[in-house]
Protein backbone atom coordinates (compact mmCIF):
# COMPACT_ATOMS: atom_id res chain seq x y z
CA UNK A 1 112.02 10.75 115.72
CA UNK A 2 108.54 11.74 115.64
CA UNK A 3 108.50 15.41 117.15
CA UNK A 4 105.83 15.87 120.13
CA UNK A 5 102.90 17.59 118.64
CA UNK A 6 101.04 17.97 122.21
CA UNK A 7 99.73 21.14 123.43
CA UNK A 8 102.57 23.22 125.30
CA UNK A 9 101.30 22.31 128.81
CA UNK A 10 102.24 19.00 127.73
CA UNK A 11 105.76 19.87 127.46
CA UNK A 12 106.34 21.15 123.93
CA UNK A 13 107.82 24.75 123.78
CA UNK A 14 106.33 25.98 120.38
CA UNK A 15 104.02 24.74 117.83
CA UNK A 16 105.52 23.07 114.69
CA UNK A 17 102.99 23.88 112.05
CA UNK A 18 100.48 26.42 111.07
CA UNK A 19 97.56 24.19 112.04
CA UNK A 20 99.23 23.62 115.39
CA UNK A 21 99.66 27.27 115.95
CA UNK A 22 95.79 27.85 115.28
CA UNK A 23 94.86 25.11 117.74
CA UNK A 24 97.33 26.44 120.38
CA UNK A 25 96.80 30.11 120.22
CA UNK A 26 92.75 30.52 119.10
CA UNK A 27 92.27 32.96 121.94
CA UNK A 28 93.52 35.74 124.09
CA UNK A 29 93.25 33.57 127.06
CA UNK A 30 95.58 30.98 125.10
CA UNK A 31 97.98 33.45 124.42
CA UNK A 32 98.19 34.53 127.92
CA UNK A 33 98.30 31.29 129.50
CA UNK A 34 101.55 30.37 127.26
CA UNK A 35 103.48 33.63 128.23
CA UNK A 36 102.74 32.90 131.77
CA UNK A 37 104.27 29.34 131.27
CA UNK A 38 107.41 30.52 129.46
CA UNK A 39 107.58 33.34 132.20
CA UNK A 40 106.93 31.27 135.26
CA UNK A 41 107.77 27.43 134.49
CA UNK A 42 107.50 26.45 138.26
CA UNK A 43 104.38 28.43 138.74
CA UNK A 44 103.62 32.04 139.47
CA UNK A 45 106.08 34.04 141.49
CA UNK A 46 105.41 37.66 142.52
CA UNK A 47 108.72 39.99 141.50
CA UNK A 48 108.13 41.63 144.36
CA UNK A 49 107.71 39.20 147.62
CA UNK A 50 108.29 35.86 146.14
CA UNK A 51 104.67 34.93 146.72
CA UNK A 52 103.32 32.11 144.96
CA UNK A 53 99.72 32.69 144.97
CA UNK A 54 97.73 34.88 143.03
CA UNK A 55 94.20 36.10 141.32
CA UNK A 56 93.48 37.63 138.17
CA UNK A 57 92.29 41.18 137.95
CA UNK A 58 89.47 42.59 136.03
CA UNK A 59 92.43 44.33 133.82
CA UNK A 60 93.99 41.03 132.53
CA UNK A 61 96.65 41.27 135.50
CA UNK A 62 97.84 38.93 138.32
CA UNK A 63 97.43 40.46 141.79
CA UNK A 64 99.82 38.60 144.29
CA UNK A 65 97.82 37.05 147.35
CA UNK A 66 100.90 38.41 149.78
CA UNK A 67 101.85 41.80 149.04
CA UNK A 68 99.13 42.81 146.64
CA UNK A 69 101.30 43.61 143.65
CA UNK A 70 99.78 43.58 140.26
CA UNK A 71 101.63 42.14 137.89
CA UNK A 72 101.31 41.37 133.69
CA UNK A 73 102.67 37.96 131.87
CA UNK A 74 103.66 40.83 129.58
CA UNK A 75 105.90 43.32 131.58
CA UNK A 76 109.31 43.87 130.77
CA UNK A 77 108.62 42.42 127.20
CA UNK A 78 107.90 43.93 123.84
CA UNK A 79 104.70 43.08 124.34
CA UNK A 80 104.22 45.36 127.45
CA UNK A 81 101.61 48.23 126.87
CA UNK A 82 100.63 47.21 123.55
CA UNK A 83 96.72 48.15 122.27
CA UNK A 84 97.32 45.20 119.79
CA UNK A 85 95.82 41.84 120.73
CA UNK A 86 98.16 38.75 121.87
CA UNK A 87 97.34 36.52 118.89
CA UNK A 88 98.04 39.65 116.61
CA UNK A 89 101.46 39.55 117.98
CA UNK A 90 101.99 35.54 117.98
CA UNK A 91 100.92 36.04 114.46
CA UNK A 92 103.95 38.41 113.58
CA UNK A 93 106.26 36.16 115.35
CA UNK A 94 105.27 33.12 114.04
CA UNK A 95 105.65 34.81 110.43
CA UNK A 96 109.15 36.44 111.11
CA UNK A 97 110.48 33.14 112.67
CA UNK A 98 109.42 30.89 109.84
CA UNK A 99 110.76 33.01 106.93
CA UNK A 100 114.29 31.85 105.73
CA UNK A 101 115.52 35.54 105.92
CA UNK A 102 113.44 36.78 108.79
CA UNK A 103 110.94 38.58 106.45
CA UNK A 104 110.56 42.12 105.66
CA UNK A 105 108.27 44.77 107.11
CA UNK A 106 106.31 44.85 103.66
CA UNK A 107 105.75 41.11 104.02
CA UNK A 108 104.41 41.85 107.61
CA UNK A 109 102.44 44.49 106.57
CA UNK A 110 100.58 42.31 103.93
CA UNK A 111 100.19 39.25 106.06
CA UNK A 112 98.84 41.07 109.31
CA UNK A 113 96.58 43.73 107.30
CA UNK A 114 98.36 46.69 108.74
CA UNK A 115 97.53 49.92 107.12
CA UNK A 116 100.93 51.38 107.80
CA UNK A 117 104.28 50.59 106.90
CA UNK A 118 105.89 52.11 110.00
CA UNK A 119 103.63 50.26 111.90
CA UNK A 120 104.82 47.11 110.18
CA UNK A 121 108.71 48.49 110.62
CA UNK A 122 108.64 48.97 114.12
CA UNK A 123 107.22 45.75 115.02
CA UNK A 124 109.40 44.08 112.92
CA UNK A 125 112.67 46.00 114.44
CA UNK A 126 111.44 45.08 117.82
CA UNK A 127 110.96 41.34 117.40
CA UNK A 128 114.50 41.21 115.85
CA UNK A 129 115.81 43.02 118.94
CA UNK A 130 114.17 40.71 121.16
CA UNK A 131 115.74 38.01 119.20
CA UNK A 132 119.27 38.51 119.84
CA UNK A 133 120.87 36.35 122.36
CA UNK A 134 122.11 38.78 125.49
CA UNK A 135 124.60 36.02 126.44
CA UNK A 136 126.21 34.96 122.75
CA UNK A 137 129.90 34.84 122.14
CA UNK A 138 132.12 37.59 121.68
CA UNK A 139 133.79 37.68 118.53
CA UNK A 140 137.41 36.64 118.92
CA UNK A 141 140.75 36.34 116.38
CA UNK A 142 141.17 38.92 113.65
CA UNK A 143 138.19 41.16 113.67
CA UNK A 144 137.60 43.56 110.84
CA UNK A 145 135.65 47.02 112.06
CA UNK A 146 134.41 49.57 109.71
CA UNK A 147 131.39 52.00 109.76
CA UNK A 148 128.80 53.00 107.02
CA UNK A 149 126.55 55.49 106.01
CA UNK A 150 123.12 54.67 105.08
CA UNK A 151 121.01 57.26 103.12
CA UNK A 152 121.24 59.58 100.25
CA UNK A 153 123.82 62.25 99.02
CA UNK A 154 124.16 65.34 101.51
CA UNK A 155 125.51 68.72 100.50
CA UNK A 156 127.60 70.74 102.58
CA UNK A 157 128.88 67.87 104.57
CA UNK A 158 132.68 66.67 104.32
CA UNK A 159 134.62 63.29 105.34
CA UNK A 160 132.71 61.49 108.10
CA UNK A 161 130.20 64.38 108.88
CA UNK A 162 126.53 63.46 108.27
CA UNK A 163 123.38 65.61 109.16
CA UNK A 164 120.70 62.95 108.20
CA UNK A 165 122.49 59.76 107.35
CA UNK A 166 122.23 56.67 109.75
CA UNK A 167 125.71 55.44 111.08
CA UNK A 168 126.23 51.78 111.36
CA UNK A 169 129.32 50.06 112.51
CA UNK A 170 130.03 46.56 111.76
CA UNK A 171 132.60 43.84 112.99
CA UNK A 172 133.18 40.86 111.12
CA UNK A 173 135.77 37.85 112.20
CA UNK A 174 138.62 37.11 109.37
CA UNK A 175 138.74 33.77 108.91
CA UNK A 176 142.18 32.28 107.47
CA UNK A 177 142.97 31.88 104.46
CA UNK A 178 140.06 33.49 103.36
CA UNK A 179 136.42 34.08 104.42
CA UNK A 180 134.23 35.66 107.14
CA UNK A 181 132.98 34.27 110.54
CA UNK A 182 130.41 35.88 112.66
CA UNK A 183 129.09 39.73 112.32
CA UNK A 184 127.88 41.81 114.86
CA UNK A 185 126.14 45.31 113.40
CA UNK A 186 125.15 48.37 115.77
CA UNK A 187 123.39 51.67 114.77
CA UNK A 188 125.58 54.38 116.54
CA UNK A 189 124.86 58.26 117.04
CA UNK A 190 128.28 59.36 115.44
CA UNK A 191 131.88 58.20 114.98
CA UNK A 192 133.18 59.38 118.17
CA UNK A 193 135.50 56.86 120.60
CA UNK A 194 132.50 56.94 122.91
CA UNK A 195 130.22 55.03 119.94
CA UNK A 196 133.06 53.08 118.24
CA UNK A 197 135.37 51.90 120.97
CA UNK A 198 132.26 51.24 123.40
CA UNK A 199 130.80 48.97 120.61
CA UNK A 200 134.06 47.40 120.03
CA UNK A 201 134.12 46.61 123.53
CA UNK A 202 130.89 44.94 124.03
CA UNK A 203 131.56 42.74 120.95
CA UNK A 204 134.80 41.82 120.43
CA UNK A 205 136.66 39.50 123.23
CA UNK A 206 139.88 41.06 124.97
CA UNK A 207 142.98 39.95 123.40
CA UNK A 208 141.88 40.13 119.88
CA UNK A 209 143.45 41.70 117.23
CA UNK A 210 141.18 44.67 115.89
CA UNK A 211 141.64 46.01 112.38
CA UNK A 212 140.37 49.30 111.37
CA UNK A 213 140.94 51.96 108.89
CA UNK A 214 143.29 54.03 111.58
CA UNK A 215 140.17 56.29 112.05
CA UNK A 216 141.34 58.02 115.25
CA UNK A 217 137.48 57.39 116.95
CA UNK A 218 138.39 53.56 117.18
CA UNK A 219 141.84 54.52 119.00
CA UNK A 220 142.01 58.02 120.33
CA UNK A 221 145.01 57.06 122.53
CA UNK A 222 146.67 55.02 120.38
CA UNK A 223 146.69 51.96 122.43
CA UNK A 224 143.21 50.59 122.68
CA UNK A 225 143.15 48.92 119.36
CA UNK A 226 145.76 47.22 116.98
CA UNK A 227 145.33 48.35 113.64
């Protein structure tokens, strides 16, 4: 079946090739039009009054003809308030989604010509967070949870204490007879019950069996999780 290669106005959601990408998103106006189509597939709707008519302002905002509220096609997204052209953001998204493993900050820096690795790293992680599906299914069955510390060695700290390392907690489905299923990760500020149990509650389906190393942060009352 031949994929539809029409412009997005014709019904296709995204370009299939770099040539299509360049043709669709050659200007800032084209990028803004595409975002507006994604945000309001049935036409503009004012977030305040529900009005359907608008006109553009000199600041590239949309003013509601009914209540006069001004809004942007990027409001509430990772693009809100950006000083970079939308086309550069679109190029970054194309690069990340076209790489087998999601690309790297160094690769993004080289492709877009960023002068700062930190900028590329920030952009990459903004896009990765935006790509997480909010309503994705929770882990279930037997789920193993553990935390890890990322960073160099530290002096003067013991056990799970840390002054400089990043703490990442991971949950993974354990499949029978051997193997692993889906994985969830989260950067947490500490290994307290608030952080750890909060993470487990967010990613594991109630009724599942959660396997931990016995650290009291996972089960402060001895009743929340099955070890």
